[in-house]
Amino acid sequence: MLNEKALVNDALSMINSSLTSYSNAIAQCTNAQLRSTLQQIRNSDEQFQWDLYKLAEQKGYYKPARPADTADIQQVKSDLGTF
């Protein structure tokens, strides 16, 4: 039987995969009504993902990577030719 942490992490993984699928479907959709419906579903799922992520973070189930420091960000920008 799965514990709460495993269930939350599994749900986050599934919703992230779904968001990718919605994005791909939206990008290829030629029917405006279907495209709009998919966008609404994606937006709702993005909000659910954010809420579940915040819950996982609060409970210590998910530890995000530490933020990149300014020098690393500048180096990547420089490497990519952006400003």
Protein backbone atom coordinates (compact mmCIF):
# COMPACT_ATOMS: atom_id res chain seq x y z
CA MET A 1 0.00 0.00 0.00
CA LEU A 2 1.34 3.46 -0.91
CA ASN A 3 1.86 6.11 1.72
CA GLU A 4 0.75 9.73 1.32
CA LYS A 5 4.16 10.92 0.12
CA ALA A 6 4.27 8.30 -2.64
CA LEU A 7 0.71 9.11 -3.71
CA VAL A 8 1.41 12.85 -3.88
CA ASN A 9 4.63 12.35 -5.84
CA ASP A 10 2.91 9.90 -8.20
CA ALA A 11 0.06 12.38 -8.77
CA LEU A 12 2.57 15.17 -9.48
CA SER A 13 4.37 12.97 -11.98
CA MET A 14 1.13 12.06 -13.75
CA ILE A 15 -0.15 15.65 -13.91
CA ASN A 16 3.18 16.86 -15.28
CA SER A 17 2.98 14.23 -18.01
CA SER A 18 -0.60 15.25 -18.78
CA LEU A 19 0.41 18.91 -19.07
CA THR A 20 2.99 17.98 -21.69
CA SER A 21 0.39 15.99 -23.61
CA TYR A 22 -2.10 18.87 -23.50
CA SER A 23 0.53 21.29 -24.79
CA ASN A 24 1.33 18.99 -27.70
CA ALA A 25 -2.35 18.51 -28.54
CA ILE A 26 -3.06 22.25 -28.35
CA ALA A 27 -0.13 23.05 -30.64
CA GLN A 28 -1.45 20.66 -33.29
CA CYS A 29 -5.17 21.36 -32.94
CA THR A 30 -6.93 23.02 -35.88
CA ASN A 31 -10.44 23.04 -34.38
CA ALA A 32 -10.85 26.30 -32.44
CA GLN A 33 -13.49 24.95 -30.07
CA LEU A 34 -11.47 21.83 -29.23
CA ARG A 35 -8.33 23.95 -28.83
CA SER A 36 -10.12 26.24 -26.39
CA THR A 37 -11.46 23.29 -24.41
CA LEU A 38 -8.00 21.72 -24.19
CA GLN A 39 -6.55 25.05 -23.04
CA GLN A 40 -9.17 25.31 -20.29
CA ILE A 41 -8.43 21.77 -19.13
CA ARG A 42 -4.68 22.47 -19.22
CA ASN A 43 -5.13 25.69 -17.22
CA SER A 44 -7.18 23.86 -14.60
CA ASP A 45 -4.59 21.08 -14.40
CA GLU A 46 -1.78 23.64 -14.07
CA GLN A 47 -3.55 25.17 -11.08
CA PHE A 48 -4.07 21.71 -9.55
CA GLN A 49 -0.39 20.89 -10.14
CA TRP A 50 0.67 24.12 -8.42
CA ASP A 51 -1.60 23.49 -5.43
CA LEU A 52 -0.39 19.90 -5.09
CA TYR A 53 3.24 21.01 -5.44
CA LYS A 54 2.80 23.57 -2.65
CA LEU A 55 1.24 20.88 -0.42
CA ALA A 56 4.12 18.50 -1.17
CA GLU A 57 6.64 21.22 -0.41
CA GLN A 58 4.94 22.15 2.88
CA LYS A 59 4.90 18.52 4.03
CA GLY A 60 8.53 18.01 3.01
CA TYR A 61 7.63 15.51 0.30
CA TYR A 62 9.31 17.54 -2.40
CA LYS A 63 12.55 19.46 -2.15
CA PRO A 64 13.17 21.74 -5.14
CA ALA A 65 16.69 22.20 -6.42
CA ARG A 66 18.49 25.16 -4.96
CA PRO A 67 18.22 28.27 -7.12
CA ALA A 68 21.05 29.00 -9.53
CA ASP A 69 23.31 31.83 -8.47
CA THR A 70 23.57 35.03 -10.49
CA ALA A 71 26.96 34.16 -12.01
CA ASP A 72 25.62 30.86 -13.37
CA ILE A 73 22.57 32.59 -14.86
CA GLN A 74 24.76 35.22 -16.52
CA GLN A 75 27.04 32.51 -17.90
CA VAL A 76 24.13 30.63 -19.49
CA LYS A 77 22.76 33.88 -20.94
CA SER A 78 26.16 34.66 -22.37
CA ASP A 79 26.54 31.15 -23.81
CA LEU A 80 23.13 31.42 -25.48
CA GLY A 81 23.77 34.91 -26.79
CA THR A 82 20.90 36.47 -24.85
CA PHE A 83 21.00 39.57 -22.73
